[in-house]
Amino acid sequence: MTHDPADLTASDYLDGAREMAAANRPFLAHLLAEEAAQRTADPATAAGIRASFPAPATTREETD
């Protein structure tokens, strides 16, 4: 993996989004997916990425 964020591809960001979703980190998954979508040339593919990782609710519920 690269150490320069400029070298990361849409695929790299999408892989990260999947990892964050699997780790139950939906907001981070959404942010990474949004970056992947922005780096995707095809609008339909970008829309699909965004639909796969929707923005989570901004309110947070604490569990005891």
PDB file of N, CA and C in Angstrom:
ATOM      1  N   MET A   1       0.839  -1.177   0.000  1.00  0.00           N
ATOM      2  CA  MET A   1       0.000   0.000   0.000  1.00  0.00           C
ATOM      3  C   MET A   1       0.885   1.241   0.000  1.00  0.00           C
ATOM      4  N   THR A   2       0.362   2.261  -0.588  1.00  0.00           N
ATOM      5  CA  THR A   2       1.098   3.512  -0.704  1.00  0.00           C
ATOM      6  C   THR A   2       0.992   4.351   0.567  1.00  0.00           C
ATOM      7  N   HIS A   3       1.947   5.219   0.759  1.00  0.00           N
ATOM      8  CA  HIS A   3       1.918   6.129   1.895  1.00  0.00           C
ATOM      9  C   HIS A   3       1.479   7.525   1.478  1.00  0.00           C
ATOM     10  N   ASP A   4       1.304   7.741   0.182  1.00  0.00           N
ATOM     11  CA  ASP A   4       0.883   9.036  -0.330  1.00  0.00           C
ATOM     12  C   ASP A   4      -0.596   8.958  -0.698  1.00  0.00           C
ATOM     13  N   PRO A   5      -1.460   9.690   0.006  1.00  0.00           N
ATOM     14  CA  PRO A   5      -2.890   9.631  -0.296  1.00  0.00           C
ATOM     15  C   PRO A   5      -3.225   9.983  -1.746  1.00  0.00           C
ATOM     16  N   ALA A   6      -2.401  10.754  -2.399  1.00  0.00           N
ATOM     17  CA  ALA A   6      -2.649  11.111  -3.793  1.00  0.00           C
ATOM     18  C   ALA A   6      -2.547   9.895  -4.708  1.00  0.00           C
ATOM     19  N   ASP A   7      -1.859   8.857  -4.267  1.00  0.00           N
ATOM     20  CA  ASP A   7      -1.691   7.652  -5.069  1.00  0.00           C
ATOM     21  C   ASP A   7      -2.831   6.647  -4.888  1.00  0.00           C
ATOM     22  N   LEU A   8      -3.735   6.908  -3.950  1.00  0.00           N
ATOM     23  CA  LEU A   8      -4.832   5.975  -3.704  1.00  0.00           C
ATOM     24  C   LEU A   8      -5.862   6.058  -4.830  1.00  0.00           C
ATOM     25  N   THR A   9      -6.442   4.923  -5.156  1.00  0.00           N
ATOM     26  CA  THR A   9      -7.437   4.855  -6.224  1.00  0.00           C
ATOM     27  C   THR A   9      -8.838   4.721  -5.628  1.00  0.00           C
ATOM     28  N   ALA A  10      -9.827   4.823  -6.493  1.00  0.00           N
ATOM     29  CA  ALA A  10     -11.207   4.616  -6.057  1.00  0.00           C
ATOM     30  C   ALA A  10     -11.353   3.233  -5.435  1.00  0.00           C
ATOM     31  N   SER A  11     -10.690   2.255  -6.013  1.00  0.00           N
ATOM     32  CA  SER A  11     -10.746   0.893  -5.494  1.00  0.00           C
ATOM     33  C   SER A  11     -10.168   0.807  -4.086  1.00  0.00           C
ATOM     34  N   ASP A  12      -9.090   1.528  -3.833  1.00  0.00           N
ATOM     35  CA  ASP A  12      -8.497   1.552  -2.495  1.00  0.00           C
ATOM     36  C   ASP A  12      -9.482   2.117  -1.471  1.00  0.00           C
ATOM     37  N   TYR A  13     -10.137   3.216  -1.829  1.00  0.00           N
ATOM     38  CA  TYR A  13     -11.112   3.831  -0.928  1.00  0.00           C
ATOM     39  C   TYR A  13     -12.322   2.925  -0.727  1.00  0.00           C
ATOM     40  N   LEU A  14     -12.751   2.245  -1.785  1.00  0.00           N
ATOM     41  CA  LEU A  14     -13.889   1.348  -1.679  1.00  0.00           C
ATOM     42  C   LEU A  14     -13.543   0.146  -0.801  1.00  0.00           C
ATOM     43  N   ASP A  15     -12.339  -0.363  -0.919  1.00  0.00           N
ATOM     44  CA  ASP A  15     -11.898  -1.448  -0.028  1.00  0.00           C
ATOM     45  C   ASP A  15     -11.933  -0.986   1.426  1.00  0.00           C
ATOM     46  N   GLY A  16     -11.467   0.220   1.662  1.00  0.00           N
ATOM     47  CA  GLY A  16     -11.499   0.776   3.013  1.00  0.00           C
ATOM     48  C   GLY A  16     -12.919   0.944   3.517  1.00  0.00           C
ATOM     49  N   ALA A  17     -13.820   1.377   2.646  1.00  0.00           N
ATOM     50  CA  ALA A  17     -15.219   1.530   3.035  1.00  0.00           C
ATOM     51  C   ALA A  17     -15.807   0.182   3.446  1.00  0.00           C
ATOM     52  N   ARG A  18     -15.507  -0.851   2.700  1.00  0.00           N
ATOM     53  CA  ARG A  18     -15.997  -2.192   3.040  1.00  0.00           C
ATOM     54  C   ARG A  18     -15.444  -2.657   4.389  1.00  0.00           C
ATOM     55  N   GLU A  19     -14.168  -2.382   4.626  1.00  0.00           N
ATOM     56  CA  GLU A  19     -13.559  -2.763   5.901  1.00  0.00           C
ATOM     57  C   GLU A  19     -14.208  -2.026   7.065  1.00  0.00           C
ATOM     58  N   MET A  20     -14.481  -0.744   6.883  1.00  0.00           N
ATOM     59  CA  MET A  20     -15.110   0.034   7.953  1.00  0.00           C
ATOM     60  C   MET A  20     -16.547  -0.419   8.182  1.00  0.00           C
ATOM     61  N   ALA A  21     -17.253  -0.760   7.126  1.00  0.00           N
ATOM     62  CA  ALA A  21     -18.620  -1.270   7.280  1.00  0.00           C
ATOM     63  C   ALA A  21     -18.604  -2.592   8.046  1.00  0.00           C
ATOM     64  N   ALA A  22     -17.653  -3.460   7.730  1.00  0.00           N
ATOM     65  CA  ALA A  22     -17.539  -4.745   8.422  1.00  0.00           C
ATOM     66  C   ALA A  22     -17.173  -4.553   9.895  1.00  0.00           C
ATOM     67  N   ALA A  23     -16.471  -3.463  10.195  1.00  0.00           N
ATOM     68  CA  ALA A  23     -16.066  -3.166  11.566  1.00  0.00           C
ATOM     69  C   ALA A  23     -17.122  -2.340  12.301  1.00  0.00           C
ATOM     70  N   ASN A  24     -18.318  -2.218  11.701  1.00  0.00           N
ATOM     71  CA  ASN A  24     -19.419  -1.452  12.280  1.00  0.00           C
ATOM     72  C   ASN A  24     -19.047   0.019  12.495  1.00  0.00           C
ATOM     73  N   ARG A  25     -18.383   0.590  11.507  1.00  0.00           N
ATOM     74  CA  ARG A  25     -18.018   2.017  11.519  1.00  0.00           C
ATOM     75  C   ARG A  25     -18.689   2.691  10.310  1.00  0.00           C
ATOM     76  N   PRO A  26     -20.026   2.839  10.336  1.00  0.00           N
ATOM     77  CA  PRO A  26     -20.761   3.290   9.152  1.00  0.00           C
ATOM     78  C   PRO A  26     -20.400   4.689   8.677  1.00  0.00           C
ATOM     79  N   PHE A  27     -20.079   5.590   9.593  1.00  0.00           N
ATOM     80  CA  PHE A  27     -19.749   6.942   9.159  1.00  0.00           C
ATOM     81  C   PHE A  27     -18.420   6.965   8.401  1.00  0.00           C
ATOM     82  N   LEU A  28     -17.438   6.259   8.906  1.00  0.00           N
ATOM     83  CA  LEU A  28     -16.160   6.179   8.196  1.00  0.00           C
ATOM     84  C   LEU A  28     -16.336   5.465   6.855  1.00  0.00           C
ATOM     85  N   ALA A  29     -17.163   4.423   6.843  1.00  0.00           N
ATOM     86  CA  ALA A  29     -17.443   3.720   5.585  1.00  0.00           C
ATOM     87  C   ALA A  29     -18.067   4.678   4.580  1.00  0.00           C
ATOM     88  N   HIS A  30     -18.999   5.483   5.033  1.00  0.00           N
ATOM     89  CA  HIS A  30     -19.646   6.466   4.156  1.00  0.00           C
ATOM     90  C   HIS A  30     -18.633   7.474   3.607  1.00  0.00           C
ATOM     91  N   LEU A  31     -17.769   7.991   4.454  1.00  0.00           N
ATOM     92  CA  LEU A  31     -16.769   8.974   4.009  1.00  0.00           C
ATOM     93  C   LEU A  31     -15.812   8.374   2.983  1.00  0.00           C
ATOM     94  N   LEU A  32     -15.357   7.168   3.227  1.00  0.00           N
ATOM     95  CA  LEU A  32     -14.453   6.512   2.276  1.00  0.00           C
ATOM     96  C   LEU A  32     -15.165   6.211   0.960  1.00  0.00           C
ATOM     97  N   ALA A  33     -16.414   5.783   1.045  1.00  0.00           N
ATOM     98  CA  ALA A  33     -17.182   5.510  -0.172  1.00  0.00           C
ATOM     99  C   ALA A  33     -17.426   6.787  -0.961  1.00  0.00           C
ATOM    100  N   GLU A  34     -17.667   7.877  -0.275  1.00  0.00           N
ATOM    101  CA  GLU A  34     -17.868   9.155  -0.963  1.00  0.00           C
ATOM    102  C   GLU A  34     -16.604   9.543  -1.728  1.00  0.00           C
ATOM    103  N   GLU A  35     -15.463   9.336  -1.130  1.00  0.00           N
ATOM    104  CA  GLU A  35     -14.204   9.627  -1.820  1.00  0.00           C
ATOM    105  C   GLU A  35     -14.032   8.707  -3.025  1.00  0.00           C
ATOM    106  N   ALA A  36     -14.387   7.445  -2.869  1.00  0.00           N
ATOM    107  CA  ALA A  36     -14.314   6.508  -3.991  1.00  0.00           C
ATOM    108  C   ALA A  36     -15.233   6.967  -5.117  1.00  0.00           C
ATOM    109  N   ALA A  37     -16.433   7.397  -4.771  1.00  0.00           N
ATOM    110  CA  ALA A  37     -17.386   7.861  -5.780  1.00  0.00           C
ATOM    111  C   ALA A  37     -16.862   9.095  -6.512  1.00  0.00           C
ATOM    112  N   GLN A  38     -16.226   9.991  -5.783  1.00  0.00           N
ATOM    113  CA  GLN A  38     -15.679  11.202  -6.412  1.00  0.00           C
ATOM    114  C   GLN A  38     -14.541  10.877  -7.366  1.00  0.00           C
ATOM    115  N   ARG A  39     -13.854   9.784  -7.124  1.00  0.00           N
ATOM    116  CA  ARG A  39     -12.736   9.387  -7.988  1.00  0.00           C
ATOM    117  C   ARG A  39     -13.169   8.462  -9.124  1.00  0.00           C
ATOM    118  N   THR A  40     -14.459   8.217  -9.230  1.00  0.00           N
ATOM    119  CA  THR A  40     -15.010   7.345 -10.260  1.00  0.00           C
ATOM    120  C   THR A  40     -15.545   8.187 -11.408  1.00  0.00           C
ATOM    121  N   ALA A  41     -15.115   7.880 -12.620  1.00  0.00           N
ATOM    122  CA  ALA A  41     -15.499   8.673 -13.791  1.00  0.00           C
ATOM    123  C   ALA A  41     -16.940   8.429 -14.223  1.00  0.00           C
ATOM    124  N   ASP A  42     -17.435   7.217 -14.066  1.00  0.00           N
ATOM    125  CA  ASP A  42     -18.782   6.873 -14.525  1.00  0.00           C
ATOM    126  C   ASP A  42     -19.816   7.297 -13.482  1.00  0.00           C
ATOM    127  N   PRO A  43     -20.749   8.195 -13.845  1.00  0.00           N
ATOM    128  CA  PRO A  43     -21.749   8.663 -12.874  1.00  0.00           C
ATOM    129  C   PRO A  43     -22.640   7.547 -12.327  1.00  0.00           C
ATOM    130  N   ALA A  44     -22.973   6.557 -13.142  1.00  0.00           N
ATOM    131  CA  ALA A  44     -23.819   5.462 -12.666  1.00  0.00           C
ATOM    132  C   ALA A  44     -23.081   4.620 -11.622  1.00  0.00           C
ATOM    133  N   THR A  45     -21.813   4.370 -11.848  1.00  0.00           N
ATOM    134  CA  THR A  45     -21.018   3.616 -10.883  1.00  0.00           C
ATOM    135  C   THR A  45     -20.878   4.405  -9.588  1.00  0.00           C
ATOM    136  N   ALA A  46     -20.629   5.703  -9.706  1.00  0.00           N
ATOM    137  CA  ALA A  46     -20.512   6.562  -8.523  1.00  0.00           C
ATOM    138  C   ALA A  46     -21.815   6.555  -7.724  1.00  0.00           C
ATOM    139  N   ALA A  47     -22.947   6.616  -8.422  1.00  0.00           N
ATOM    140  CA  ALA A  47     -24.247   6.585  -7.741  1.00  0.00           C
ATOM    141  C   ALA A  47     -24.441   5.255  -7.024  1.00  0.00           C
ATOM    142  N   GLY A  48     -23.994   4.169  -7.635  1.00  0.00           N
ATOM    143  CA  GLY A  48     -24.092   2.857  -7.007  1.00  0.00           C
ATOM    144  C   GLY A  48     -23.252   2.757  -5.745  1.00  0.00           C
ATOM    145  N   ILE A  49     -22.072   3.345  -5.789  1.00  0.00           N
ATOM    146  CA  ILE A  49     -21.201   3.355  -4.605  1.00  0.00           C
ATOM    147  C   ILE A  49     -21.875   4.128  -3.487  1.00  0.00           C
ATOM    148  N   ARG A  50     -22.408   5.298  -3.818  1.00  0.00           N
ATOM    149  CA  ARG A  50     -23.079   6.115  -2.794  1.00  0.00           C
ATOM    150  C   ARG A  50     -24.292   5.396  -2.210  1.00  0.00           C
ATOM    151  N   ALA A  51     -25.038   4.698  -3.055  1.00  0.00           N
ATOM    152  CA  ALA A  51     -26.218   3.970  -2.584  1.00  0.00           C
ATOM    153  C   ALA A  51     -25.827   2.804  -1.668  1.00  0.00           C
ATOM    154  N   SER A  52     -24.674   2.222  -1.901  1.00  0.00           N
ATOM    155  CA  SER A  52     -24.221   1.098  -1.088  1.00  0.00           C
ATOM    156  C   SER A  52     -23.768   1.509   0.303  1.00  0.00           C
ATOM    157  N   PHE A  53     -23.370   2.765   0.446  1.00  0.00           N
ATOM    158  CA  PHE A  53     -22.867   3.269   1.731  1.00  0.00           C
ATOM    159  C   PHE A  53     -23.561   4.589   2.064  1.00  0.00           C
ATOM    160  N   PRO A  54     -24.858   4.540   2.392  1.00  0.00           N
ATOM    161  CA  PRO A  54     -25.588   5.785   2.675  1.00  0.00           C
ATOM    162  C   PRO A  54     -25.079   6.450   3.954  1.00  0.00           C
ATOM    163  N   ALA A  55     -25.336   7.731   4.039  1.00  0.00           N
ATOM    164  CA  ALA A  55     -24.939   8.471   5.232  1.00  0.00           C
ATOM    165  C   ALA A  55     -25.731   7.964   6.428  1.00  0.00           C
ATOM    166  N   PRO A  56     -25.065   7.638   7.515  1.00  0.00           N
ATOM    167  CA  PRO A  56     -25.783   7.190   8.712  1.00  0.00           C
ATOM    168  C   PRO A  56     -26.466   8.374   9.388  1.00  0.00           C
ATOM    169  N   ALA A  57     -27.372   8.074  10.259  1.00  0.00           N
ATOM    170  CA  ALA A  57     -28.046   9.126  11.030  1.00  0.00           C
ATOM    171  C   ALA A  57     -27.006   9.909  11.818  1.00  0.00           C
ATOM    172  N   THR A  58     -27.234  11.187  11.953  1.00  0.00           N
ATOM    173  CA  THR A  58     -26.267  12.014  12.665  1.00  0.00           C
ATOM    174  C   THR A  58     -26.450  11.968  14.175  1.00  0.00           C
ATOM    175  N   THR A  59     -27.549  11.394  14.633  1.00  0.00           N
ATOM    176  CA  THR A  59     -27.713  11.239  16.079  1.00  0.00           C
ATOM    177  C   THR A  59     -27.131   9.909  16.506  1.00  0.00           C
ATOM    178  N   ARG A  60     -26.614   9.880  17.684  1.00  0.00           N
ATOM    179  CA  ARG A  60     -25.951   8.692  18.174  1.00  0.00           C
ATOM    180  C   ARG A  60     -26.637   8.239  19.463  1.00  0.00           C
ATOM    181  N   GLU A  61     -26.913   6.959  19.528  1.00  0.00           N
ATOM    182  CA  GLU A  61     -27.512   6.396  20.726  1.00  0.00           C
ATOM    183  C   GLU A  61     -26.458   5.588  21.463  1.00  0.00           C
ATOM    184  N   GLU A  62     -26.297   5.907  22.730  1.00  0.00           N
ATOM    185  CA  GLU A  62     -25.348   5.174  23.564  1.00  0.00           C
ATOM    186  C   GLU A  62     -26.044   3.944  24.134  1.00  0.00           C
ATOM    187  N   THR A  63     -25.342   2.837  24.158  1.00  0.00           N
ATOM    188  CA  THR A  63     -25.889   1.633  24.778  1.00  0.00           C
ATOM    189  C   THR A  63     -25.211   1.425  26.110  1.00  0.00           C
ATOM    190  N   ASP A  64     -25.955   0.886  27.021  1.00  0.00           N
ATOM    191  CA  ASP A  64     -25.398   0.643  28.366  1.00  0.00           C
ATOM    192  C   ASP A  64     -24.737  -0.700  28.451  1.00  0.00           C
TER     193      ASP A  64
END
